[in-house]
């Protein structure tokens, strides 16, 4: 299992996920930069993702939807705020409504993905910052921690193909 640590800090309004992979930084980075690879692991196994847009550049946007076992869908977006290839990138992460616009009833978070060499592979630290304690509790209640853990558990298979 790639996830080695999860830290939740309600005072800082953050959740940090630390994962380790037996692949070099450039390979792990490539899995996030390419929509076809990213969709193989972004959603948990029971909610696979399909990226319909993935402009992996500063100012770019990604849009995706995940389909659950009952056929229900949940859609989301990233807006790329900064990219320091292959060390880190930062996104605004939010939900899309049925109209394809930002779902105003759902919080928007900031996520920072940091990649560094570690023990011949890669250590990735993902820090999500929530706009409020209520938002943190809401998304944890929706299964965000379990979803990220399950999703990251699929990355090794993607990395092995590359």
Protein backbone atom coordinates (compact mmCIF):
# COMPACT_ATOMS: atom_id res chain seq x y z
CA UNK A 1 0.00 0.00 0.00
CA UNK A 2 1.61 3.27 -1.11
CA UNK A 3 0.03 5.43 1.62
CA UNK A 4 2.32 5.40 4.64
CA UNK A 5 0.85 8.24 6.71
CA UNK A 6 -2.24 10.44 6.97
CA UNK A 7 -2.29 13.49 9.23
CA UNK A 8 -5.39 15.58 9.88
CA UNK A 9 -4.90 18.97 11.54
CA UNK A 10 -8.25 20.61 12.34
CA UNK A 11 -6.52 23.76 13.63
CA UNK A 12 -4.58 24.25 10.38
CA UNK A 13 -7.58 22.99 8.34
CA UNK A 14 -5.37 20.46 6.55
CA UNK A 15 -5.12 16.80 5.71
CA UNK A 16 -1.73 15.51 4.62
CA UNK A 17 -1.29 12.19 2.84
CA UNK A 18 2.21 10.73 2.49
CA UNK A 19 2.73 7.97 -0.09
CA UNK A 20 5.81 6.16 -1.35
CA UNK A 21 6.30 4.56 -4.73
CA UNK A 22 8.98 2.27 -6.18
CA UNK A 23 9.37 4.46 -9.26
CA UNK A 24 11.47 7.55 -9.97
CA UNK A 25 10.03 11.03 -9.48
CA UNK A 26 9.75 11.66 -13.24
CA UNK A 27 7.65 8.52 -13.69
CA UNK A 28 5.24 9.39 -10.86
CA UNK A 29 5.01 12.96 -12.17
CA UNK A 30 4.15 11.66 -15.64
CA UNK A 31 1.23 9.67 -14.21
CA UNK A 32 -0.32 12.90 -12.92
CA UNK A 33 0.50 14.93 -16.04
CA UNK A 34 -1.21 12.50 -18.46
CA UNK A 35 -5.02 12.33 -18.24
CA UNK A 36 -5.21 8.73 -19.51
CA UNK A 37 -2.86 7.57 -16.73
CA UNK A 38 -4.41 9.80 -14.08
CA UNK A 39 -7.91 8.47 -14.69
CA UNK A 40 -6.65 4.93 -14.02
CA UNK A 41 -6.11 5.83 -10.37
CA UNK A 42 -7.74 9.16 -9.47
CA UNK A 43 -11.07 7.67 -8.47
CA UNK A 44 -11.35 4.82 -5.98
CA UNK A 45 -11.82 1.39 -7.61
CA UNK A 46 -15.61 1.53 -7.19
CA UNK A 47 -15.79 5.15 -8.50
CA UNK A 48 -13.45 5.25 -11.54
CA UNK A 49 -12.63 8.65 -13.00
CA UNK A 50 -12.86 9.83 -16.60
CA UNK A 51 -11.04 13.06 -17.46
CA UNK A 52 -12.78 15.07 -20.16
CA UNK A 53 -10.26 17.91 -19.89
CA UNK A 54 -6.72 18.02 -18.52
CA UNK A 55 -4.78 21.19 -19.28
CA UNK A 56 -1.75 20.54 -17.05
CA UNK A 57 -0.32 24.07 -17.29
CA UNK A 58 -0.44 27.06 -14.94
CA UNK A 59 -3.86 28.60 -15.46
CA UNK A 60 -5.12 25.35 -16.99
CA UNK A 61 -8.08 23.33 -15.86
CA UNK A 62 -8.99 19.68 -15.53
CA UNK A 63 -12.53 18.37 -15.43
CA UNK A 64 -13.52 14.82 -14.63
CA UNK A 65 -16.40 12.71 -13.49
CA UNK A 66 -16.48 9.55 -11.43
CA UNK A 67 -19.15 6.90 -11.90
CA UNK A 68 -20.26 4.79 -8.95
CA UNK A 69 -21.40 1.18 -8.94
CA UNK A 70 -25.04 2.27 -9.11
CA UNK A 71 -24.37 4.51 -12.14
CA UNK A 72 -24.47 7.73 -10.11
CA UNK A 73 -21.91 10.37 -11.03
CA UNK A 74 -19.87 12.96 -9.19
CA UNK A 75 -17.89 15.56 -11.11
CA UNK A 76 -14.91 17.66 -10.14
CA UNK A 77 -12.30 20.09 -11.38
CA UNK A 78 -8.74 21.25 -10.77
CA UNK A 79 -7.44 24.70 -11.60
CA UNK A 80 -3.64 24.66 -11.83
CA UNK A 81 -2.22 27.48 -9.71
CA UNK A 82 1.47 26.57 -9.92
CA UNK A 83 3.64 23.88 -11.46
CA UNK A 84 7.31 23.24 -10.67
CA UNK A 85 8.07 20.17 -12.81
CA UNK A 86 8.81 17.55 -11.51
CA UNK A 87 8.80 18.74 -7.89
CA UNK A 88 5.33 20.08 -7.16
CA UNK A 89 2.05 21.41 -8.39
CA UNK A 90 -0.80 23.24 -6.68
CA UNK A 91 -4.48 23.17 -7.63
CA UNK A 92 -7.83 24.51 -6.58
CA UNK A 93 -9.93 21.37 -6.23
CA UNK A 94 -13.70 21.48 -6.30
CA UNK A 95 -16.94 19.87 -7.37
CA UNK A 96 -18.97 20.47 -10.50
CA UNK A 97 -22.76 20.56 -10.55
CA UNK A 98 -24.98 18.93 -13.17
CA UNK A 99 -24.65 22.09 -15.28
CA UNK A 100 -20.86 21.70 -15.47
CA UNK A 101 -20.29 24.78 -13.31
CA UNK A 102 -18.69 24.90 -9.88
CA UNK A 103 -21.09 23.46 -7.30
CA UNK A 104 -21.64 26.40 -4.97
CA UNK A 105 -22.98 24.13 -2.23
CA UNK A 106 -19.66 22.28 -1.99
CA UNK A 107 -16.35 23.60 -0.65
CA UNK A 108 -13.31 24.32 -2.80
CA UNK A 109 -9.98 23.17 -1.41
CA UNK A 110 -6.37 23.82 -2.27
CA UNK A 111 -4.18 20.77 -2.86
CA UNK A 112 -0.39 20.79 -3.10
CA UNK A 113 1.37 17.71 -4.49
CA UNK A 114 5.09 17.47 -3.65
CA UNK A 115 7.35 14.80 -5.18
CA UNK A 116 10.85 13.96 -3.92
CA UNK A 117 13.33 11.12 -4.34
CA UNK A 118 13.19 8.63 -1.47
CA UNK A 119 14.89 5.23 -1.02
CA UNK A 120 15.35 4.72 -4.75
CA UNK A 121 11.75 5.70 -5.49
CA UNK A 122 9.45 8.62 -4.83
CA UNK A 123 7.88 10.10 -1.74
CA UNK A 124 4.77 12.13 -2.52
CA UNK A 125 3.26 14.45 0.07
CA UNK A 126 -0.21 15.77 -0.75
CA UNK A 127 -1.56 18.51 1.50
CA UNK A 128 -5.19 19.56 1.21
CA UNK A 129 -6.22 22.85 2.81
CA UNK A 130 -9.91 23.31 3.52
CA UNK A 131 -11.71 26.66 3.68
CA UNK A 132 -13.25 25.89 7.11
CA UNK A 133 -13.50 23.25 9.81
CA UNK A 134 -17.03 22.51 8.57
CA UNK A 135 -15.70 21.83 5.07
CA UNK A 136 -12.98 19.52 6.43
CA UNK A 137 -15.54 17.60 8.48
CA UNK A 138 -18.01 17.48 5.56
CA UNK A 139 -15.48 16.01 3.11
CA UNK A 140 -14.03 13.57 5.62
CA UNK A 141 -17.61 12.50 6.33
CA UNK A 142 -18.10 11.91 2.60
CA UNK A 143 -15.13 9.49 2.62
CA UNK A 144 -12.33 11.69 1.23
CA UNK A 145 -9.63 9.99 3.33
CA UNK A 146 -10.73 6.49 2.34
CA UNK A 147 -11.17 7.56 -1.29
CA UNK A 148 -7.68 9.03 -1.55
CA UNK A 149 -6.17 5.98 0.12
CA UNK A 150 -8.00 3.61 -2.25
CA UNK A 151 -7.13 5.73 -5.29
CA UNK A 152 -3.42 5.88 -4.42
CA UNK A 153 -3.48 2.12 -3.94
CA UNK A 154 -3.99 1.85 -7.72
CA UNK A 155 -0.97 3.93 -8.76
CA UNK A 156 1.58 1.11 -8.61
CA UNK A 157 -0.16 -0.74 -11.47
CA UNK A 158 -0.09 2.43 -13.58
CA UNK A 159 3.59 3.04 -12.82
CA UNK A 160 4.46 -0.54 -13.76
CA UNK A 161 3.00 0.00 -17.25
CA UNK A 162 5.16 3.02 -17.95
